[in-house]
PDB file of N, CA and C in Angstrom:
ATOM      1  N   UNK A   1    -116.156  69.901  63.894  1.00  0.00           N
ATOM      2  CA  UNK A   1    -115.279  69.584  65.003  1.00  0.00           C
ATOM      3  C   UNK A   1    -115.783  70.319  66.242  1.00  0.00           C
ATOM      4  N   UNK A   2    -115.753  69.626  67.363  1.00  0.00           N
ATOM      5  CA  UNK A   2    -116.177  70.229  68.627  1.00  0.00           C
ATOM      6  C   UNK A   2    -115.072  71.146  69.158  1.00  0.00           C
ATOM      7  N   UNK A   3    -115.502  72.108  69.955  1.00  0.00           N
ATOM      8  CA  UNK A   3    -114.553  73.097  70.467  1.00  0.00           C
ATOM      9  C   UNK A   3    -113.426  72.456  71.284  1.00  0.00           C
ATOM     10  N   UNK A   4    -113.737  71.460  72.118  1.00  0.00           N
ATOM     11  CA  UNK A   4    -112.679  70.839  72.920  1.00  0.00           C
ATOM     12  C   UNK A   4    -111.663  70.116  72.031  1.00  0.00           C
ATOM     13  N   UNK A   5    -112.131  69.529  70.942  1.00  0.00           N
ATOM     14  CA  UNK A   5    -111.210  68.892  69.991  1.00  0.00           C
ATOM     15  C   UNK A   5    -110.351  69.955  69.304  1.00  0.00           C
ATOM     16  N   UNK A   6    -110.973  71.070  68.956  1.00  0.00           N
ATOM     17  CA  UNK A   6    -110.247  72.167  68.319  1.00  0.00           C
ATOM     18  C   UNK A   6    -109.196  72.738  69.263  1.00  0.00           C
ATOM     19  N   UNK A   7    -109.538  72.859  70.527  1.00  0.00           N
ATOM     20  CA  UNK A   7    -108.571  73.356  71.506  1.00  0.00           C
ATOM     21  C   UNK A   7    -107.394  72.402  71.631  1.00  0.00           C
ATOM     22  N   UNK A   8    -107.662  71.098  71.562  1.00  0.00           N
ATOM     23  CA  UNK A   8    -106.578  70.112  71.623  1.00  0.00           C
ATOM     24  C   UNK A   8    -105.647  70.261  70.426  1.00  0.00           C
ATOM     25  N   UNK A   9    -106.208  70.522  69.249  1.00  0.00           N
ATOM     26  CA  UNK A   9    -105.380  70.758  68.064  1.00  0.00           C
ATOM     27  C   UNK A   9    -104.561  72.037  68.262  1.00  0.00           C
ATOM     28  N   UNK A  10    -105.176  73.067  68.815  1.00  0.00           N
ATOM     29  CA  UNK A  10    -104.462  74.311  69.085  1.00  0.00           C
ATOM     30  C   UNK A  10    -103.313  74.120  70.060  1.00  0.00           C
ATOM     31  N   UNK A  11    -103.521  73.322  71.076  1.00  0.00           N
ATOM     32  CA  UNK A  11    -102.464  73.038  72.056  1.00  0.00           C
ATOM     33  C   UNK A  11    -101.318  72.287  71.390  1.00  0.00           C
ATOM     34  N   UNK A  12    -101.656  71.340  70.533  1.00  0.00           N
ATOM     35  CA  UNK A  12    -100.619  70.597  69.814  1.00  0.00           C
ATOM     36  C   UNK A  12     -99.857  71.528  68.863  1.00  0.00           C
ATOM     37  N   UNK A  13    -100.586  72.460  68.240  1.00  0.00           N
ATOM     38  CA  UNK A  13     -99.933  73.428  67.355  1.00  0.00           C
ATOM     39  C   UNK A  13     -98.984  74.324  68.148  1.00  0.00           C
ATOM     40  N   UNK A  14     -99.413  74.742  69.333  1.00  0.00           N
ATOM     41  CA  UNK A  14     -98.548  75.562  70.185  1.00  0.00           C
ATOM     42  C   UNK A  14     -97.285  74.792  70.549  1.00  0.00           C
ATOM     43  N   UNK A  15     -97.406  73.532  70.903  1.00  0.00           N
ATOM     44  CA  UNK A  15     -96.236  72.715  71.232  1.00  0.00           C
ATOM     45  C   UNK A  15     -95.314  72.588  70.021  1.00  0.00           C
ATOM     46  N   UNK A  16     -95.903  72.441  68.848  1.00  0.00           N
ATOM     47  CA  UNK A  16     -95.123  72.339  67.614  1.00  0.00           C
ATOM     48  C   UNK A  16     -94.332  73.626  67.379  1.00  0.00           C
ATOM     49  N   UNK A  17     -95.008  74.753  67.486  1.00  0.00           N
ATOM     50  CA  UNK A  17     -94.348  76.049  67.278  1.00  0.00           C
ATOM     51  C   UNK A  17     -93.279  76.271  68.341  1.00  0.00           C
ATOM     52  N   UNK A  18     -93.607  75.994  69.601  1.00  0.00           N
ATOM     53  CA  UNK A  18     -92.665  76.218  70.698  1.00  0.00           C
ATOM     54  C   UNK A  18     -91.427  75.337  70.579  1.00  0.00           C
ATOM     55  N   UNK A  19     -91.577  74.177  69.964  1.00  0.00           N
ATOM     56  CA  UNK A  19     -90.455  73.253  69.823  1.00  0.00           C
ATOM     57  C   UNK A  19     -89.603  73.484  68.595  1.00  0.00           C
ATOM     58  N   UNK A  20     -89.953  74.451  67.780  1.00  0.00           N
ATOM     59  CA  UNK A  20     -89.216  74.707  66.544  1.00  0.00           C
ATOM     60  C   UNK A  20     -88.378  75.981  66.708  1.00  0.00           C
ATOM     61  N   UNK A  21     -87.063  75.869  66.623  1.00  0.00           N
ATOM     62  CA  UNK A  21     -86.204  77.029  66.861  1.00  0.00           C
ATOM     63  C   UNK A  21     -86.343  78.139  65.815  1.00  0.00           C
ATOM     64  N   UNK A  22     -86.934  77.838  64.662  1.00  0.00           N
ATOM     65  CA  UNK A  22     -87.165  78.873  63.650  1.00  0.00           C
ATOM     66  C   UNK A  22     -88.543  79.507  63.800  1.00  0.00           C
ATOM     67  N   UNK A  23     -89.544  78.687  64.117  1.00  0.00           N
ATOM     68  CA  UNK A  23     -90.914  79.195  64.224  1.00  0.00           C
ATOM     69  C   UNK A  23     -91.153  80.008  65.487  1.00  0.00           C
ATOM     70  N   UNK A  24     -90.606  79.567  66.605  1.00  0.00           N
ATOM     71  CA  UNK A  24     -90.903  80.232  67.870  1.00  0.00           C
ATOM     72  C   UNK A  24     -90.530  81.715  67.861  1.00  0.00           C
ATOM     73  N   UNK A  25     -89.327  82.083  67.448  1.00  0.00           N
ATOM     74  CA  UNK A  25     -89.007  83.520  67.441  1.00  0.00           C
ATOM     75  C   UNK A  25     -89.931  84.316  66.511  1.00  0.00           C
ATOM     76  N   UNK A  26     -90.291  83.717  65.380  1.00  0.00           N
ATOM     77  CA  UNK A  26     -91.199  84.394  64.451  1.00  0.00           C
ATOM     78  C   UNK A  26     -92.572  84.582  65.089  1.00  0.00           C
ATOM     79  N   UNK A  27     -93.072  83.545  65.752  1.00  0.00           N
ATOM     80  CA  UNK A  27     -94.369  83.624  66.435  1.00  0.00           C
ATOM     81  C   UNK A  27     -94.341  84.702  67.514  1.00  0.00           C
ATOM     82  N   UNK A  28     -93.294  84.715  68.312  1.00  0.00           N
ATOM     83  CA  UNK A  28     -93.174  85.706  69.381  1.00  0.00           C
ATOM     84  C   UNK A  28     -93.091  87.117  68.813  1.00  0.00           C
ATOM     85  N   UNK A  29     -92.362  87.265  67.736  1.00  0.00           N
ATOM     86  CA  UNK A  29     -92.224  88.575  67.115  1.00  0.00           C
ATOM     87  C   UNK A  29     -93.556  89.070  66.547  1.00  0.00           C
ATOM     88  N   UNK A  30     -94.266  88.195  65.869  1.00  0.00           N
ATOM     89  CA  UNK A  30     -95.544  88.575  65.253  1.00  0.00           C
ATOM     90  C   UNK A  30     -96.593  88.889  66.312  1.00  0.00           C
ATOM     91  N   UNK A  31     -96.635  88.087  67.363  1.00  0.00           N
ATOM     92  CA  UNK A  31     -97.665  88.261  68.386  1.00  0.00           C
ATOM     93  C   UNK A  31     -97.297  89.303  69.429  1.00  0.00           C
ATOM     94  N   UNK A  32     -95.999  89.571  69.585  1.00  0.00           N
ATOM     95  CA  UNK A  32     -95.561  90.505  70.607  1.00  0.00           C
ATOM     96  C   UNK A  32     -95.561  89.904  72.005  1.00  0.00           C
ATOM     97  N   UNK A  33     -95.719  88.617  72.101  1.00  0.00           N
ATOM     98  CA  UNK A  33     -95.729  87.937  73.399  1.00  0.00           C
ATOM     99  C   UNK A  33     -94.296  87.621  73.813  1.00  0.00           C
ATOM    100  N   UNK A  34     -93.997  87.872  75.054  1.00  0.00           N
ATOM    101  CA  UNK A  34     -92.699  87.531  75.620  1.00  0.00           C
ATOM    102  C   UNK A  34     -92.672  86.023  75.858  1.00  0.00           C
ATOM    103  N   UNK A  35     -91.546  85.387  75.603  1.00  0.00           N
ATOM    104  CA  UNK A  35     -91.432  83.935  75.760  1.00  0.00           C
ATOM    105  C   UNK A  35     -91.850  83.473  77.154  1.00  0.00           C
ATOM    106  N   UNK A  36     -91.573  84.262  78.160  1.00  0.00           N
ATOM    107  CA  UNK A  36     -91.930  83.904  79.524  1.00  0.00           C
ATOM    108  C   UNK A  36     -93.418  83.993  79.825  1.00  0.00           C
ATOM    109  N   UNK A  37     -94.189  84.590  78.921  1.00  0.00           N
ATOM    110  CA  UNK A  37     -95.626  84.767  79.138  1.00  0.00           C
ATOM    111  C   UNK A  37     -96.483  83.815  78.309  1.00  0.00           C
ATOM    112  N   UNK A  38     -95.866  82.898  77.576  1.00  0.00           N
ATOM    113  CA  UNK A  38     -96.656  82.020  76.704  1.00  0.00           C
ATOM    114  C   UNK A  38     -97.688  81.226  77.493  1.00  0.00           C
ATOM    115  N   UNK A  39     -97.286  80.637  78.597  1.00  0.00           N
ATOM    116  CA  UNK A  39     -98.250  79.836  79.387  1.00  0.00           C
ATOM    117  C   UNK A  39     -99.406  80.704  79.870  1.00  0.00           C
ATOM    118  N   UNK A  40     -99.095  81.887  80.333  1.00  0.00           N
ATOM    119  CA  UNK A  40    -100.134  82.810  80.798  1.00  0.00           C
ATOM    120  C   UNK A  40    -101.033  83.219  79.628  1.00  0.00           C
ATOM    121  N   UNK A  41    -100.433  83.553  78.511  1.00  0.00           N
ATOM    122  CA  UNK A  41    -101.200  83.974  77.332  1.00  0.00           C
ATOM    123  C   UNK A  41    -102.076  82.853  76.804  1.00  0.00           C
ATOM    124  N   UNK A  42    -101.610  81.612  76.938  1.00  0.00           N
ATOM    125  CA  UNK A  42    -102.374  80.461  76.435  1.00  0.00           C
ATOM    126  C   UNK A  42    -103.717  80.312  77.137  1.00  0.00           C
ATOM    127  N   UNK A  43    -103.858  80.902  78.295  1.00  0.00           N
ATOM    128  CA  UNK A  43    -105.141  80.823  79.026  1.00  0.00           C
ATOM    129  C   UNK A  43    -106.128  81.890  78.564  1.00  0.00           C
ATOM    130  N   UNK A  44    -105.661  82.818  77.753  1.00  0.00           N
ATOM    131  CA  UNK A  44    -106.519  83.905  77.276  1.00  0.00           C
ATOM    132  C   UNK A  44    -107.434  83.411  76.160  1.00  0.00           C
ATOM    133  N   UNK A  45    -108.679  83.891  76.158  1.00  0.00           N
ATOM    134  CA  UNK A  45    -109.579  83.521  75.065  1.00  0.00           C
ATOM    135  C   UNK A  45    -108.996  83.969  73.722  1.00  0.00           C
ATOM    136  N   UNK A  46    -109.066  83.127  72.766  1.00  0.00           N
ATOM    137  CA  UNK A  46    -108.586  83.462  71.438  1.00  0.00           C
ATOM    138  C   UNK A  46    -107.129  83.149  71.171  1.00  0.00           C
ATOM    139  N   UNK A  47    -106.363  82.808  72.210  1.00  0.00           N
ATOM    140  CA  UNK A  47    -104.936  82.560  71.996  1.00  0.00           C
ATOM    141  C   UNK A  47    -104.704  81.362  71.083  1.00  0.00           C
ATOM    142  N   UNK A  48    -105.388  80.253  71.352  1.00  0.00           N
ATOM    143  CA  UNK A  48    -105.189  79.060  70.531  1.00  0.00           C
ATOM    144  C   UNK A  48    -105.635  79.299  69.092  1.00  0.00           C
ATOM    145  N   UNK A  49    -106.680  80.109  68.938  1.00  0.00           N
ATOM    146  CA  UNK A  49    -107.106  80.486  67.587  1.00  0.00           C
ATOM    147  C   UNK A  49    -105.975  81.242  66.894  1.00  0.00           C
ATOM    148  N   UNK A  50    -105.295  82.107  67.626  1.00  0.00           N
ATOM    149  CA  UNK A  50    -104.172  82.855  67.072  1.00  0.00           C
ATOM    150  C   UNK A  50    -103.012  81.942  66.686  1.00  0.00           C
ATOM    151  N   UNK A  51    -102.785  80.911  67.489  1.00  0.00           N
ATOM    152  CA  UNK A  51    -101.732  79.944  67.158  1.00  0.00           C
ATOM    153  C   UNK A  51    -102.079  79.253  65.842  1.00  0.00           C
ATOM    154  N   UNK A  52    -103.329  78.835  65.718  1.00  0.00           N
ATOM    155  CA  UNK A  52    -103.744  78.180  64.475  1.00  0.00           C
ATOM    156  C   UNK A  52    -103.698  79.154  63.302  1.00  0.00           C
ATOM    157  N   UNK A  53    -104.059  80.403  63.522  1.00  0.00           N
ATOM    158  CA  UNK A  53    -103.932  81.416  62.465  1.00  0.00           C
ATOM    159  C   UNK A  53    -102.479  81.494  61.996  1.00  0.00           C
ATOM    160  N   UNK A  54    -101.567  81.520  62.941  1.00  0.00           N
ATOM    161  CA  UNK A  54    -100.138  81.594  62.623  1.00  0.00           C
ATOM    162  C   UNK A  54     -99.711  80.389  61.791  1.00  0.00           C
ATOM    163  N   UNK A  55    -100.088  79.203  62.219  1.00  0.00           N
ATOM    164  CA  UNK A  55     -99.713  77.977  61.513  1.00  0.00           C
ATOM    165  C   UNK A  55    -100.342  77.951  60.120  1.00  0.00           C
ATOM    166  N   UNK A  56    -101.611  78.292  60.038  1.00  0.00           N
ATOM    167  CA  UNK A  56    -102.325  78.228  58.767  1.00  0.00           C
ATOM    168  C   UNK A  56    -101.917  79.319  57.778  1.00  0.00           C
ATOM    169  N   UNK A  57    -101.317  80.373  58.261  1.00  0.00           N
ATOM    170  CA  UNK A  57    -100.917  81.470  57.387  1.00  0.00           C
ATOM    171  C   UNK A  57     -99.753  81.093  56.470  1.00  0.00           C
ATOM    172  N   UNK A  58     -99.064  80.013  56.773  1.00  0.00           N
ATOM    173  CA  UNK A  58     -97.909  79.579  55.987  1.00  0.00           C
ATOM    174  C   UNK A  58     -98.099  78.104  55.665  1.00  0.00           C
ATOM    175  N   UNK A  59     -98.476  77.828  54.416  1.00  0.00           N
ATOM    176  CA  UNK A  59     -98.826  76.454  54.037  1.00  0.00           C
ATOM    177  C   UNK A  59     -97.753  75.426  54.381  1.00  0.00           C
ATOM    178  N   UNK A  60     -96.461  75.682  54.130  1.00  0.00           N
ATOM    179  CA  UNK A  60     -95.457  74.681  54.510  1.00  0.00           C
ATOM    180  C   UNK A  60     -95.466  74.384  56.022  1.00  0.00           C
ATOM    181  N   UNK A  61     -95.702  75.406  56.835  1.00  0.00           N
ATOM    182  CA  UNK A  61     -95.785  75.189  58.285  1.00  0.00           C
ATOM    183  C   UNK A  61     -97.014  74.369  58.622  1.00  0.00           C
ATOM    184  N   UNK A  62     -98.137  74.694  58.005  1.00  0.00           N
ATOM    185  CA  UNK A  62     -99.380  73.947  58.258  1.00  0.00           C
ATOM    186  C   UNK A  62     -99.210  72.487  57.879  1.00  0.00           C
ATOM    187  N   UNK A  63     -98.612  72.239  56.733  1.00  0.00           N
ATOM    188  CA  UNK A  63     -98.426  70.853  56.291  1.00  0.00           C
ATOM    189  C   UNK A  63     -97.425  70.110  57.178  1.00  0.00           C
ATOM    190  N   UNK A  64     -96.372  70.801  57.613  1.00  0.00           N
ATOM    191  CA  UNK A  64     -95.391  70.169  58.500  1.00  0.00           C
ATOM    192  C   UNK A  64     -96.026  69.825  59.841  1.00  0.00           C
ATOM    193  N   UNK A  65     -96.827  70.756  60.387  1.00  0.00           N
ATOM    194  CA  UNK A  65     -97.497  70.471  61.651  1.00  0.00           C
ATOM    195  C   UNK A  65     -98.468  69.313  61.500  1.00  0.00           C
ATOM    196  N   UNK A  66     -99.275  69.329  60.444  1.00  0.00           N
ATOM    197  CA  UNK A  66    -100.247  68.254  60.229  1.00  0.00           C
ATOM    198  C   UNK A  66     -99.541  66.901  60.146  1.00  0.00           C
ATOM    199  N   UNK A  67     -98.436  66.855  59.411  1.00  0.00           N
ATOM    200  CA  UNK A  67     -97.688  65.605  59.282  1.00  0.00           C
ATOM    201  C   UNK A  67     -97.114  65.162  60.628  1.00  0.00           C
ATOM    202  N   UNK A  68     -96.533  66.103  61.356  1.00  0.00           N
ATOM    203  CA  UNK A  68     -95.932  65.769  62.657  1.00  0.00           C
ATOM    204  C   UNK A  68     -96.983  65.306  63.658  1.00  0.00           C
ATOM    205  N   UNK A  69     -98.175  65.886  63.567  1.00  0.00           N
ATOM    206  CA  UNK A  69     -99.237  65.548  64.515  1.00  0.00           C
ATOM    207  C   UNK A  69    -100.104  64.384  64.039  1.00  0.00           C
ATOM    208  N   UNK A  70     -99.859  63.908  62.833  1.00  0.00           N
ATOM    209  CA  UNK A  70    -100.660  62.816  62.290  1.00  0.00           C
ATOM    210  C   UNK A  70    -102.087  63.247  61.986  1.00  0.00           C
ATOM    211  N   UNK A  71    -102.250  64.501  61.572  1.00  0.00           N
ATOM    212  CA  UNK A  71    -103.574  65.053  61.291  1.00  0.00           C
ATOM    213  C   UNK A  71    -103.756  65.284  59.802  1.00  0.00           C
ATOM    214  N   UNK A  72    -104.990  65.206  59.361  1.00  0.00           N
ATOM    215  CA  UNK A  72    -105.330  65.606  58.002  1.00  0.00           C
ATOM    216  C   UNK A  72    -105.177  67.119  57.960  1.00  0.00           C
ATOM    217  N   UNK A  73    -104.469  67.663  56.966  1.00  0.00           N
ATOM    218  CA  UNK A  73    -104.302  69.113  56.916  1.00  0.00           C
ATOM    219  C   UNK A  73    -105.627  69.885  56.953  1.00  0.00           C
ATOM    220  N   UNK A  74    -106.672  69.340  56.377  1.00  0.00           N
ATOM    221  CA  UNK A  74    -107.972  70.016  56.384  1.00  0.00           C
ATOM    222  C   UNK A  74    -108.529  70.144  57.798  1.00  0.00           C
ATOM    223  N   UNK A  75    -108.093  69.268  58.696  1.00  0.00           N
ATOM    224  CA  UNK A  75    -108.598  69.341  60.070  1.00  0.00           C
ATOM    225  C   UNK A  75    -108.085  70.580  60.798  1.00  0.00           C
ATOM    226  N   UNK A  76    -106.989  71.153  60.336  1.00  0.00           N
ATOM    227  CA  UNK A  76    -106.472  72.366  60.963  1.00  0.00           C
ATOM    228  C   UNK A  76    -107.439  73.524  60.744  1.00  0.00           C
ATOM    229  N   UNK A  77    -107.915  73.657  59.520  1.00  0.00           N
ATOM    230  CA  UNK A  77    -108.892  74.706  59.221  1.00  0.00           C
ATOM    231  C   UNK A  77    -110.201  74.435  59.956  1.00  0.00           C
ATOM    232  N   UNK A  78    -110.581  73.180  60.070  1.00  0.00           N
ATOM    233  CA  UNK A  78    -111.805  72.826  60.806  1.00  0.00           C
ATOM    234  C   UNK A  78    -111.663  73.203  62.277  1.00  0.00           C
ATOM    235  N   UNK A  79    -110.487  72.958  62.835  1.00  0.00           N
ATOM    236  CA  UNK A  79    -110.241  73.334  64.227  1.00  0.00           C
ATOM    237  C   UNK A  79    -110.319  74.840  64.391  1.00  0.00           C
ATOM    238  N   UNK A  80    -109.735  75.568  63.458  1.00  0.00           N
ATOM    239  CA  UNK A  80    -109.770  77.030  63.545  1.00  0.00           C
ATOM    240  C   UNK A  80    -111.198  77.547  63.483  1.00  0.00           C
ATOM    241  N   UNK A  81    -112.022  76.966  62.617  1.00  0.00           N
ATOM    242  CA  UNK A  81    -113.421  77.391  62.499  1.00  0.00           C
ATOM    243  C   UNK A  81    -114.200  77.122  63.790  1.00  0.00           C
ATOM    244  N   UNK A  82    -113.792  76.120  64.550  1.00  0.00           N
ATOM    245  CA  UNK A  82    -114.498  75.757  65.781  1.00  0.00           C
ATOM    246  C   UNK A  82    -114.120  76.641  66.962  1.00  0.00           C
ATOM    247  N   UNK A  83    -113.069  77.432  66.801  1.00  0.00           N
ATOM    248  CA  UNK A  83    -112.618  78.310  67.883  1.00  0.00           C
ATOM    249  C   UNK A  83    -113.182  79.719  67.695  1.00  0.00           C
ATOM    250  N   UNK A  84    -113.144  80.532  68.736  1.00  0.00           N
ATOM    251  CA  UNK A  84    -113.685  81.894  68.634  1.00  0.00           C
ATOM    252  C   UNK A  84    -113.123  82.659  67.439  1.00  0.00           C
ATOM    253  N   UNK A  85    -114.020  83.341  66.736  1.00  0.00           N
ATOM    254  CA  UNK A  85    -113.602  84.128  65.576  1.00  0.00           C
ATOM    255  C   UNK A  85    -113.351  83.287  64.353  1.00  0.00           C
ATOM    256  N   UNK A  86    -113.804  82.022  64.360  1.00  0.00           N
ATOM    257  CA  UNK A  86    -113.574  81.116  63.230  1.00  0.00           C
ATOM    258  C   UNK A  86    -114.274  81.581  61.978  1.00  0.00           C
ATOM    259  N   UNK A  87    -114.397  80.727  61.070  1.00  0.00           N
ATOM    260  CA  UNK A  87    -114.963  81.034  59.766  1.00  0.00           C
ATOM    261  C   UNK A  87    -114.058  80.401  58.737  1.00  0.00           C
ATOM    262  N   UNK A  88    -114.373  80.566  57.511  1.00  0.00           N
ATOM    263  CA  UNK A  88    -113.561  79.949  56.447  1.00  0.00           C
ATOM    264  C   UNK A  88    -112.427  80.859  56.034  1.00  0.00           C
ATOM    265  N   UNK A  89    -111.617  81.255  56.995  1.00  0.00           N
ATOM    266  CA  UNK A  89    -110.516  82.181  56.712  1.00  0.00           C
ATOM    267  C   UNK A  89    -109.371  81.498  55.996  1.00  0.00           C
ATOM    268  N   UNK A  90    -109.123  80.222  56.305  1.00  0.00           N
ATOM    269  CA  UNK A  90    -107.980  79.547  55.727  1.00  0.00           C
ATOM    270  C   UNK A  90    -108.396  78.226  55.118  1.00  0.00           C
ATOM    271  N   UNK A  91    -107.872  77.973  53.966  1.00  0.00           N
ATOM    272  CA  UNK A  91    -108.065  76.693  53.312  1.00  0.00           C
ATOM    273  C   UNK A  91    -106.684  76.117  53.077  1.00  0.00           C
ATOM    274  N   UNK A  92    -106.476  74.872  53.455  1.00  0.00           N
ATOM    275  CA  UNK A  92    -105.191  74.234  53.263  1.00  0.00           C
ATOM    276  C   UNK A  92    -105.372  73.141  52.229  1.00  0.00           C
ATOM    277  N   UNK A  93    -104.608  73.195  51.162  1.00  0.00           N
ATOM    278  CA  UNK A  93    -104.699  72.168  50.137  1.00  0.00           C
ATOM    279  C   UNK A  93    -103.758  71.031  50.497  1.00  0.00           C
ATOM    280  N   UNK A  94    -104.067  69.870  49.995  1.00  0.00           N
ATOM    281  CA  UNK A  94    -103.193  68.704  50.255  1.00  0.00           C
ATOM    282  C   UNK A  94    -102.478  68.298  49.011  1.00  0.00           C
TER     283      UNK A  94
END
């Protein structure tokens, strides 16, 4: 997967997390980011990779996001590998 495609998946993952009343507080708590700074933080290198790390760290969340976005769950890990600090850190089973 190309980096621009991976970034698009990361942006969609961020929208998914931001739109979920259960996930957003957990994401903010884990990352330490203030809700008002999400847009600013999203411009930082590695932020989208962190969003994908968050999503991929919990298989039910990864599968729910993949289903909502119409993506193959394996493409989430591919997107993460294409972003800074990637590698085969997460494997999502279907």
